PDB file of N, CA and C in Angstrom:
ATOM      1  N   MET A   1       1.269 -14.519 -18.929  1.00  0.00           N
ATOM      2  CA  MET A   1       0.651 -14.444 -17.691  1.00  0.00           C
ATOM      3  C   MET A   1       1.555 -15.049 -16.522  1.00  0.00           C
ATOM      4  N   LYS A   2       2.109 -16.221 -16.771  1.00  0.00           N
ATOM      5  CA  LYS A   2       3.043 -16.848 -15.845  1.00  0.00           C
ATOM      6  C   LYS A   2       4.347 -15.987 -15.648  1.00  0.00           C
ATOM      7  N   LEU A   3       4.835 -15.429 -16.757  1.00  0.00           N
ATOM      8  CA  LEU A   3       5.974 -14.568 -16.680  1.00  0.00           C
ATOM      9  C   LEU A   3       5.623 -13.314 -15.867  1.00  0.00           C
ATOM     10  N   ARG A   4       4.580 -12.682 -15.961  1.00  0.00           N
ATOM     11  CA  ARG A   4       4.245 -11.533 -15.190  1.00  0.00           C
ATOM     12  C   ARG A   4       4.184 -11.875 -13.687  1.00  0.00           C
ATOM     13  N   LEU A   5       3.557 -13.077 -13.388  1.00  0.00           N
ATOM     14  CA  LEU A   5       3.542 -13.400 -12.015  1.00  0.00           C
ATOM     15  C   LEU A   5       4.834 -13.740 -11.470  1.00  0.00           C
ATOM     16  N   GLY A   6       5.809 -14.283 -12.329  1.00  0.00           N
ATOM     17  CA  GLY A   6       7.154 -14.513 -11.896  1.00  0.00           C
ATOM     18  C   GLY A   6       7.918 -13.246 -11.606  1.00  0.00           C
ATOM     19  N   ILE A   7       7.736 -12.281 -12.423  1.00  0.00           N
ATOM     20  CA  ILE A   7       8.401 -11.006 -12.279  1.00  0.00           C
ATOM     21  C   ILE A   7       7.765 -10.177 -11.186  1.00  0.00           C
ATOM     22  N   PHE A   8       6.533 -10.199 -11.015  1.00  0.00           N
ATOM     23  CA  PHE A   8       5.832  -9.503  -9.966  1.00  0.00           C
ATOM     24  C   PHE A   8       5.096 -10.383  -8.969  1.00  0.00           C
ATOM     25  N   PRO A   9       5.687 -10.688  -7.823  1.00  0.00           N
ATOM     26  CA  PRO A   9       5.150 -11.639  -7.024  1.00  0.00           C
ATOM     27  C   PRO A   9       3.914 -11.209  -6.269  1.00  0.00           C
ATOM     28  N   ASP A  10       3.589 -10.022  -6.190  1.00  0.00           N
ATOM     29  CA  ASP A  10       2.353  -9.525  -5.820  1.00  0.00           C
ATOM     30  C   ASP A  10       1.147  -9.908  -6.569  1.00  0.00           C
ATOM     31  N   LYS A  11       0.444 -10.938  -6.226  1.00  0.00           N
ATOM     32  CA  LYS A  11      -0.591 -11.587  -7.016  1.00  0.00           C
ATOM     33  C   LYS A  11      -1.652 -10.650  -7.640  1.00  0.00           C
ATOM     34  N   ASN A  12      -2.409 -10.045  -6.759  1.00  0.00           N
ATOM     35  CA  ASN A  12      -3.482  -9.138  -7.243  1.00  0.00           C
ATOM     36  C   ASN A  12      -4.156  -8.192  -6.327  1.00  0.00           C
ATOM     37  N   ARG A  13      -5.050  -7.388  -6.603  1.00  0.00           N
ATOM     38  CA  ARG A  13      -5.605  -6.335  -5.931  1.00  0.00           C
ATOM     39  C   ARG A  13      -6.446  -6.968  -4.785  1.00  0.00           C
ATOM     40  N   ARG A  14      -6.966  -8.167  -4.904  1.00  0.00           N
ATOM     41  CA  ARG A  14      -7.776  -8.677  -3.777  1.00  0.00           C
ATOM     42  C   ARG A  14      -6.992  -8.818  -2.440  1.00  0.00           C
ATOM     43  N   ARG A  15      -5.785  -9.013  -2.645  1.00  0.00           N
ATOM     44  CA  ARG A  15      -4.926  -9.011  -1.375  1.00  0.00           C
ATOM     45  C   ARG A  15      -5.054  -7.650  -0.623  1.00  0.00           C
ATOM     46  N   TYR A  16      -4.877  -6.661  -1.417  1.00  0.00           N
ATOM     47  CA  TYR A  16      -5.017  -5.264  -0.745  1.00  0.00           C
ATOM     48  C   TYR A  16      -6.294  -5.032  -0.189  1.00  0.00           C
ATOM     49  N   LYS A  17      -7.338  -5.377  -0.983  1.00  0.00           N
ATOM     50  CA  LYS A  17      -8.770  -5.124  -0.433  1.00  0.00           C
ATOM     51  C   LYS A  17      -8.945  -5.937   0.874  1.00  0.00           C
ATOM     52  N   ARG A  18      -8.502  -7.199   0.936  1.00  0.00           N
ATOM     53  CA  ARG A  18      -8.634  -7.958   2.131  1.00  0.00           C
ATOM     54  C   ARG A  18      -7.922  -7.384   3.274  1.00  0.00           C
ATOM     55  N   ASN A  19      -6.676  -6.818   2.994  1.00  0.00           N
ATOM     56  CA  ASN A  19      -5.922  -6.270   4.100  1.00  0.00           C
ATOM     57  C   ASN A  19      -6.470  -5.045   4.524  1.00  0.00           C
ATOM     58  N   ILE A  20      -6.907  -4.205   3.612  1.00  0.00           N
ATOM     59  CA  ILE A  20      -7.675  -2.951   4.064  1.00  0.00           C
ATOM     60  C   ILE A  20      -8.821  -3.138   4.758  1.00  0.00           C
ATOM     61  N   GLU A  21      -9.634  -4.046   4.464  1.00  0.00           N
ATOM     62  CA  GLU A  21     -10.872  -4.462   5.247  1.00  0.00           C
ATOM     63  C   GLU A  21     -10.613  -4.931   6.551  1.00  0.00           C
ATOM     64  N   ARG A  22      -9.513  -5.753   6.793  1.00  0.00           N
ATOM     65  CA  ARG A  22      -9.066  -6.187   8.080  1.00  0.00           C
ATOM     66  C   ARG A  22      -8.459  -5.155   8.917  1.00  0.00           C
ATOM     67  N   MET A  23      -7.570  -4.305   8.290  1.00  0.00           N
ATOM     68  CA  MET A  23      -6.755  -3.512   9.132  1.00  0.00           C
ATOM     69  C   MET A  23      -7.435  -2.159   9.570  1.00  0.00           C
ATOM     70  N   ASP A  24      -8.211  -1.587   8.636  1.00  0.00           N
ATOM     71  CA  ASP A  24      -8.820  -0.361   8.868  1.00  0.00           C
ATOM     72  C   ASP A  24      -9.701  -0.247  10.191  1.00  0.00           C
ATOM     73  N   PRO A  25     -10.621  -1.177  10.349  1.00  0.00           N
ATOM     74  CA  PRO A  25     -11.458  -1.152  11.496  1.00  0.00           C
ATOM     75  C   PRO A  25     -10.554  -1.287  12.813  1.00  0.00           C
ATOM     76  N   LEU A  26      -9.502  -2.157  12.687  1.00  0.00           N
ATOM     77  CA  LEU A  26      -8.587  -2.339  13.889  1.00  0.00           C
ATOM     78  C   LEU A  26      -7.889  -1.264  14.302  1.00  0.00           C
ATOM     79  N   LEU A  27      -7.298  -0.480  13.248  1.00  0.00           N
ATOM     80  CA  LEU A  27      -6.614   0.816  13.626  1.00  0.00           C
ATOM     81  C   LEU A  27      -7.513   1.853  14.114  1.00  0.00           C
ATOM     82  N   LYS A  28      -8.710   1.928  13.644  1.00  0.00           N
ATOM     83  CA  LYS A  28      -9.740   2.915  14.131  1.00  0.00           C
ATOM     84  C   LYS A  28     -10.030   2.683  15.549  1.00  0.00           C
ATOM     85  N   ARG A  29     -10.098   1.414  16.042  1.00  0.00           N
ATOM     86  CA  ARG A  29     -10.275   1.097  17.351  1.00  0.00           C
ATOM     87  C   ARG A  29      -8.982   1.332  18.184  1.00  0.00           C
ATOM     88  N   MET A  30      -7.905   1.228  17.719  1.00  0.00           N
ATOM     89  CA  MET A  30      -6.659   1.310  18.398  1.00  0.00           C
ATOM     90  C   MET A  30      -6.281   2.747  18.724  1.00  0.00           C
ATOM     91  N   ILE A  31      -6.926   3.654  17.952  1.00  0.00           N
ATOM     92  CA  ILE A  31      -6.555   5.078  18.101  1.00  0.00           C
ATOM     93  C   ILE A  31      -6.846   5.628  19.576  1.00  0.00           C
ATOM     94  N   ASP A  32      -7.928   4.994  20.150  1.00  0.00           N
ATOM     95  CA  ASP A  32      -8.276   5.414  21.575  1.00  0.00           C
ATOM     96  C   ASP A  32      -7.268   4.929  22.499  1.00  0.00           C
ATOM     97  N   TYR A  33      -6.393   3.867  22.177  1.00  0.00           N
ATOM     98  CA  TYR A  33      -5.467   3.404  23.086  1.00  0.00           C
ATOM     99  C   TYR A  33      -4.005   3.711  22.732  1.00  0.00           C
ATOM    100  N   ARG A  34      -3.944   4.536  21.676  1.00  0.00           N
ATOM    101  CA  ARG A  34      -2.572   4.778  21.140  1.00  0.00           C
ATOM    102  C   ARG A  34      -1.554   5.294  22.285  1.00  0.00           C
ATOM    103  N   LYS A  35      -2.057   6.108  23.289  1.00  0.00           N
ATOM    104  CA  LYS A  35      -1.269   6.685  24.171  1.00  0.00           C
ATOM    105  C   LYS A  35      -0.753   5.683  25.205  1.00  0.00           C
ATOM    106  N   TYR A  36      -1.427   4.493  25.294  1.00  0.00           N
ATOM    107  CA  TYR A  36      -0.856   3.430  26.160  1.00  0.00           C
ATOM    108  C   TYR A  36       0.113   2.492  25.506  1.00  0.00           C
ATOM    109  N   LEU A  37       0.304   2.610  24.227  1.00  0.00           N
ATOM    110  CA  LEU A  37       1.307   1.681  23.497  1.00  0.00           C
ATOM    111  C   LEU A  37       2.652   1.962  23.842  1.00  0.00           C
ATOM    112  N   ARG A  38       3.511   0.875  24.083  1.00  0.00           N
ATOM    113  CA  ARG A  38       4.921   1.030  24.316  1.00  0.00           C
ATOM    114  C   ARG A  38       5.586   1.886  23.364  1.00  0.00           C
ATOM    115  N   GLU A  39       5.253   1.699  22.091  1.00  0.00           N
ATOM    116  CA  GLU A  39       5.960   2.433  20.995  1.00  0.00           C
ATOM    117  C   GLU A  39       4.905   2.943  20.019  1.00  0.00           C
ATOM    118  N   PRO A  40       4.354   4.182  20.325  1.00  0.00           N
ATOM    119  CA  PRO A  40       3.363   4.794  19.579  1.00  0.00           C
ATOM    120  C   PRO A  40       3.656   4.977  18.081  1.00  0.00           C
ATOM    121  N   GLN A  41       4.889   5.100  17.726  1.00  0.00           N
ATOM    122  CA  GLN A  41       5.326   5.240  16.346  1.00  0.00           C
ATOM    123  C   GLN A  41       4.955   3.880  15.528  1.00  0.00           C
ATOM    124  N   MET A  42       4.811   2.812  16.069  1.00  0.00           N
ATOM    125  CA  MET A  42       4.427   1.617  15.486  1.00  0.00           C
ATOM    126  C   MET A  42       3.001   1.806  14.894  1.00  0.00           C
ATOM    127  N   TYR A  43       2.095   2.499  15.679  1.00  0.00           N
ATOM    128  CA  TYR A  43       0.727   2.863  15.174  1.00  0.00           C
ATOM    129  C   TYR A  43       0.897   3.697  13.924  1.00  0.00           C
ATOM    130  N   ASP A  44       1.663   4.672  13.998  1.00  0.00           N
ATOM    131  CA  ASP A  44       1.941   5.534  12.869  1.00  0.00           C
ATOM    132  C   ASP A  44       2.301   4.886  11.674  1.00  0.00           C
ATOM    133  N   ALA A  45       3.224   3.959  11.844  1.00  0.00           N
ATOM    134  CA  ALA A  45       3.730   3.109  10.641  1.00  0.00           C
ATOM    135  C   ALA A  45       2.697   2.347  10.035  1.00  0.00           C
ATOM    136  N   LEU A  46       1.811   1.702  10.929  1.00  0.00           N
ATOM    137  CA  LEU A  46       0.721   0.921  10.431  1.00  0.00           C
ATOM    138  C   LEU A  46      -0.307   1.886   9.645  1.00  0.00           C
ATOM    139  N   ILE A  47      -0.502   3.076  10.079  1.00  0.00           N
ATOM    140  CA  ILE A  47      -1.367   3.977   9.411  1.00  0.00           C
ATOM    141  C   ILE A  47      -0.741   4.255   8.062  1.00  0.00           C
ATOM    142  N   HIS A  48       0.450   4.518   7.977  1.00  0.00           N
ATOM    143  CA  HIS A  48       1.179   4.878   6.636  1.00  0.00           C
ATOM    144  C   HIS A  48       1.035   3.632   5.773  1.00  0.00           C
ATOM    145  N   GLN A  49       1.240   2.478   6.270  1.00  0.00           N
ATOM    146  CA  GLN A  49       1.145   1.354   5.418  1.00  0.00           C
ATOM    147  C   GLN A  49      -0.208   1.206   4.837  1.00  0.00           C
ATOM    148  N   LEU A  50      -1.228   1.272   5.628  1.00  0.00           N
ATOM    149  CA  LEU A  50      -2.626   1.280   5.338  1.00  0.00           C
ATOM    150  C   LEU A  50      -2.939   2.224   4.223  1.00  0.00           C
ATOM    151  N   GLU A  51      -2.402   3.522   4.353  1.00  0.00           N
ATOM    152  CA  GLU A  51      -2.691   4.498   3.347  1.00  0.00           C
ATOM    153  C   GLU A  51      -2.018   4.195   2.045  1.00  0.00           C
ATOM    154  N   HIS A  52      -0.808   3.586   2.055  1.00  0.00           N
ATOM    155  CA  HIS A  52      -0.206   3.143   0.830  1.00  0.00           C
ATOM    156  C   HIS A  52      -0.994   2.056   0.156  1.00  0.00           C
ATOM    157  N   TRP A  53      -1.563   1.088   0.956  1.00  0.00           N
ATOM    158  CA  TRP A  53      -2.344  -0.033   0.376  1.00  0.00           C
ATOM    159  C   TRP A  53      -3.577   0.639  -0.293  1.00  0.00           C
ATOM    160  N   LYS A  54      -4.253   1.514   0.342  1.00  0.00           N
ATOM    161  CA  LYS A  54      -5.414   2.146  -0.137  1.00  0.00           C
ATOM    162  C   LYS A  54      -5.129   2.856  -1.460  1.00  0.00           C
ATOM    163  N   THR A  55      -3.883   3.607  -1.415  1.00  0.00           N
ATOM    164  CA  THR A  55      -3.533   4.336  -2.573  1.00  0.00           C
ATOM    165  C   THR A  55      -3.307   3.350  -3.800  1.00  0.00           C
ATOM    166  N   ARG A  56      -2.638   2.300  -3.521  1.00  0.00           N
ATOM    167  CA  ARG A  56      -2.459   1.285  -4.635  1.00  0.00           C
ATOM    168  C   ARG A  56      -3.781   0.637  -5.089  1.00  0.00           C
ATOM    169  N   TYR A  57      -4.601   0.360  -4.237  1.00  0.00           N
ATOM    170  CA  TYR A  57      -5.874  -0.274  -4.501  1.00  0.00           C
ATOM    171  C   TYR A  57      -6.767   0.713  -5.389  1.00  0.00           C
ATOM    172  N   ASN A  58      -6.595   1.970  -5.139  1.00  0.00           N
ATOM    173  CA  ASN A  58      -7.577   2.900  -5.776  1.00  0.00           C
ATOM    174  C   ASN A  58      -6.946   3.726  -6.847  1.00  0.00           C
ATOM    175  N   LEU A  59      -5.916   3.260  -7.492  1.00  0.00           N
ATOM    176  CA  LEU A  59      -5.239   3.964  -8.566  1.00  0.00           C
ATOM    177  C   LEU A  59      -6.173   4.071  -9.744  1.00  0.00           C
ATOM    178  N   PRO A  60      -6.266   5.366 -10.402  1.00  0.00           N
ATOM    179  CA  PRO A  60      -7.158   5.637 -11.408  1.00  0.00           C
ATOM    180  C   PRO A  60      -6.720   4.824 -12.684  1.00  0.00           C
ATOM    181  N   ARG A  61      -7.677   4.732 -13.517  1.00  0.00           N
ATOM    182  CA  ARG A  61      -7.462   4.103 -14.889  1.00  0.00           C
ATOM    183  C   ARG A  61      -6.631   4.939 -15.798  1.00  0.00           C
ATOM    184  N   ASN A  62      -6.791   6.225 -15.669  1.00  0.00           N
ATOM    185  CA  ASN A  62      -6.050   7.203 -16.637  1.00  0.00           C
ATOM    186  C   ASN A  62      -4.541   6.964 -16.373  1.00  0.00           C
ATOM    187  N   PRO A  63      -3.754   6.608 -17.339  1.00  0.00           N
ATOM    188  CA  PRO A  63      -2.447   6.484 -17.246  1.00  0.00           C
ATOM    189  C   PRO A  63      -1.597   7.546 -16.654  1.00  0.00           C
ATOM    190  N   TRP A  64      -1.885   8.776 -17.098  1.00  0.00           N
ATOM    191  CA  TRP A  64      -1.252   9.973 -16.633  1.00  0.00           C
ATOM    192  C   TRP A  64      -1.469  10.218 -15.136  1.00  0.00           C
ATOM    193  N   LYS A  65      -2.693  10.140 -14.732  1.00  0.00           N
ATOM    194  CA  LYS A  65      -3.004  10.302 -13.352  1.00  0.00           C
ATOM    195  C   LYS A  65      -2.342   9.106 -12.503  1.00  0.00           C
ATOM    196  N   ARG A  66      -2.478   8.018 -13.029  1.00  0.00           N
ATOM    197  CA  ARG A  66      -1.923   6.772 -12.330  1.00  0.00           C
ATOM    198  C   ARG A  66      -0.389   6.991 -12.124  1.00  0.00           C
ATOM    199  N   TRP A  67       0.268   7.480 -13.248  1.00  0.00           N
ATOM    200  CA  TRP A  67       1.821   7.659 -13.166  1.00  0.00           C
ATOM    201  C   TRP A  67       2.045   8.817 -12.112  1.00  0.00           C
ATOM    202  N   CYS A  68       1.307   9.753 -12.018  1.00  0.00           N
ATOM    203  CA  CYS A  68       1.578  10.936 -11.148  1.00  0.00           C
ATOM    204  C   CYS A  68       1.541  10.401  -9.605  1.00  0.00           C
ATOM    205  N   ILE A  69       0.447   9.535  -9.354  1.00  0.00           N
ATOM    206  CA  ILE A  69       0.329   8.956  -8.028  1.00  0.00           C
ATOM    207  C   ILE A  69       1.535   8.040  -7.678  1.00  0.00           C
ATOM    208  N   ILE A  70       1.792   7.164  -8.673  1.00  0.00           N
ATOM    209  CA  ILE A  70       2.966   6.207  -8.448  1.00  0.00           C
ATOM    210  C   ILE A  70       4.133   6.884  -8.185  1.00  0.00           C
ATOM    211  N   LYS A  71       4.449   7.956  -9.008  1.00  0.00           N
ATOM    212  CA  LYS A  71       5.755   8.713  -8.927  1.00  0.00           C
ATOM    213  C   LYS A  71       5.844   9.328  -7.502  1.00  0.00           C
ATOM    214  N   ARG A  72       4.740   9.851  -7.021  1.00  0.00           N
ATOM    215  CA  ARG A  72       4.663  10.488  -5.696  1.00  0.00           C
ATOM    216  C   ARG A  72       4.918   9.339  -4.652  1.00  0.00           C
ATOM    217  N   GLU A  73       4.297   8.214  -4.757  1.00  0.00           N
ATOM    218  CA  GLU A  73       4.550   7.195  -3.799  1.00  0.00           C
ATOM    219  C   GLU A  73       6.039   6.688  -3.773  1.00  0.00           C
ATOM    220  N   LEU A  74       6.518   6.573  -4.975  1.00  0.00           N
ATOM    221  CA  LEU A  74       7.956   6.254  -5.171  1.00  0.00           C
ATOM    222  C   LEU A  74       8.927   7.215  -4.511  1.00  0.00           C
ATOM    223  N   ALA A  75       8.749   8.516  -4.805  1.00  0.00           N
ATOM    224  CA  ALA A  75       9.603   9.584  -4.250  1.00  0.00           C
ATOM    225  C   ALA A  75       9.536   9.591  -2.703  1.00  0.00           C
ATOM    226  N   ALA A  76       8.311   9.194  -2.109  1.00  0.00           N
ATOM    227  CA  ALA A  76       8.177   9.114  -0.692  1.00  0.00           C
ATOM    228  C   ALA A  76       8.725   7.909  -0.164  1.00  0.00           C
ATOM    229  N   GLY A  77       9.123   6.891  -1.004  1.00  0.00           N
ATOM    230  CA  GLY A  77       9.748   5.727  -0.438  1.00  0.00           C
ATOM    231  C   GLY A  77       8.727   4.618   0.024  1.00  0.00           C
ATOM    232  N   HIS A  78       7.545   4.835  -0.285  1.00  0.00           N
ATOM    233  CA  HIS A  78       6.462   3.987   0.142  1.00  0.00           C
ATOM    234  C   HIS A  78       6.543   2.581  -0.465  1.00  0.00           C
ATOM    235  N   TYR A  79       6.820   2.579  -1.791  1.00  0.00           N
ATOM    236  CA  TYR A  79       6.903   1.235  -2.485  1.00  0.00           C
ATOM    237  C   TYR A  79       8.028   0.499  -1.856  1.00  0.00           C
ATOM    238  N   ARG A  80       9.183   0.954  -1.556  1.00  0.00           N
ATOM    239  CA  ARG A  80      10.263   0.293  -1.003  1.00  0.00           C
ATOM    240  C   ARG A  80      10.011  -0.150   0.382  1.00  0.00           C
ATOM    241  N   LYS A  81       9.355   0.720   1.217  1.00  0.00           N
ATOM    242  CA  LYS A  81       9.031   0.442   2.556  1.00  0.00           C
ATOM    243  C   LYS A  81       7.867  -0.539   2.769  1.00  0.00           C
ATOM    244  N   TYR A  82       6.812  -0.298   2.051  1.00  0.00           N
ATOM    245  CA  TYR A  82       5.557  -1.088   2.263  1.00  0.00           C
ATOM    246  C   TYR A  82       5.209  -2.216   1.225  1.00  0.00           C
ATOM    247  N   SER A  83       5.872  -2.123   0.145  1.00  0.00           N
ATOM    248  CA  SER A  83       5.512  -3.074  -0.982  1.00  0.00           C
ATOM    249  C   SER A  83       6.822  -3.820  -1.421  1.00  0.00           C
ATOM    250  N   LYS A  84       7.855  -3.693  -0.553  1.00  0.00           N
ATOM    251  CA  LYS A  84       9.104  -4.484  -0.718  1.00  0.00           C
ATOM    252  C   LYS A  84       9.998  -4.197  -1.858  1.00  0.00           C
ATOM    253  N   SER A  85       9.546  -3.443  -2.942  1.00  0.00           N
ATOM    254  CA  SER A  85      10.416  -3.064  -4.001  1.00  0.00           C
ATOM    255  C   SER A  85       9.734  -2.117  -4.942  1.00  0.00           C
ATOM    256  N   GLY A  86      10.483  -1.387  -5.786  1.00  0.00           N
ATOM    257  CA  GLY A  86       9.916  -0.505  -6.738  1.00  0.00           C
ATOM    258  C   GLY A  86       9.356  -1.200  -7.943  1.00  0.00           C
ATOM    259  N   ARG A  87       9.567  -2.593  -7.972  1.00  0.00           N
ATOM    260  CA  ARG A  87       8.937  -3.365  -9.067  1.00  0.00           C
ATOM    261  C   ARG A  87       7.538  -3.247  -9.029  1.00  0.00           C
ATOM    262  N   MET A  88       6.988  -3.158  -7.733  1.00  0.00           N
ATOM    263  CA  MET A  88       5.484  -3.100  -7.654  1.00  0.00           C
ATOM    264  C   MET A  88       4.927  -1.799  -8.312  1.00  0.00           C
ATOM    265  N   ALA A  89       5.668  -0.720  -8.326  1.00  0.00           N
ATOM    266  CA  ALA A  89       5.239   0.457  -9.066  1.00  0.00           C
ATOM    267  C   ALA A  89       5.129   0.191 -10.463  1.00  0.00           C
ATOM    268  N   LEU A  90       6.028  -0.472 -11.069  1.00  0.00           N
ATOM    269  CA  LEU A  90       5.889  -0.912 -12.472  1.00  0.00           C
ATOM    270  C   LEU A  90       4.729  -1.640 -12.693  1.00  0.00           C
ATOM    271  N   LYS A  91       4.571  -2.670 -11.905  1.00  0.00           N
ATOM    272  CA  LYS A  91       3.392  -3.531 -11.959  1.00  0.00           C
ATOM    273  C   LYS A  91       2.063  -2.699 -11.814  1.00  0.00           C
ATOM    274  N   ASN A  92       1.957  -1.841 -10.914  1.00  0.00           N
ATOM    275  CA  ASN A  92       0.739  -1.004 -10.664  1.00  0.00           C
ATOM    276  C   ASN A  92       0.538  -0.128 -11.960  1.00  0.00           C
ATOM    277  N   PHE A  93       1.620   0.324 -12.595  1.00  0.00           N
ATOM    278  CA  PHE A  93       1.384   1.087 -13.770  1.00  0.00           C
ATOM    279  C   PHE A  93       0.712   0.363 -14.930  1.00  0.00           C
ATOM    280  N   PHE A  94       1.057  -0.841 -15.032  1.00  0.00           N
ATOM    281  CA  PHE A  94       0.680  -1.633 -16.250  1.00  0.00           C
ATOM    282  C   PHE A  94      -0.691  -2.437 -15.882  1.00  0.00           C
ATOM    283  N   ASP A  95      -1.010  -2.561 -14.634  1.00  0.00           N
ATOM    284  CA  ASP A  95      -2.280  -3.347 -14.200  1.00  0.00           C
ATOM    285  C   ASP A  95      -3.566  -2.495 -14.551  1.00  0.00           C
TER     286      ASP A  95
END
């Protein structure tokens, strides 16, 4: 257990659930004001990050389906961009 936490610093799924619960309503409210933002692409980046978190949180139990989703997220660069490394993909596969 300690070795796994040492290799994979992302502690658990609760963090994603908490982040999703906090960020989702905020971004839904911000959509009305998106045109007033200095850099609207920042809003888009936050939406993509939220979608990645939701994808990770809702990975299926079936290993084949799980691997297909993880592979798609890796190919899109989402693990590197939003989860800091591809190691998180490996962790997600075995969790």
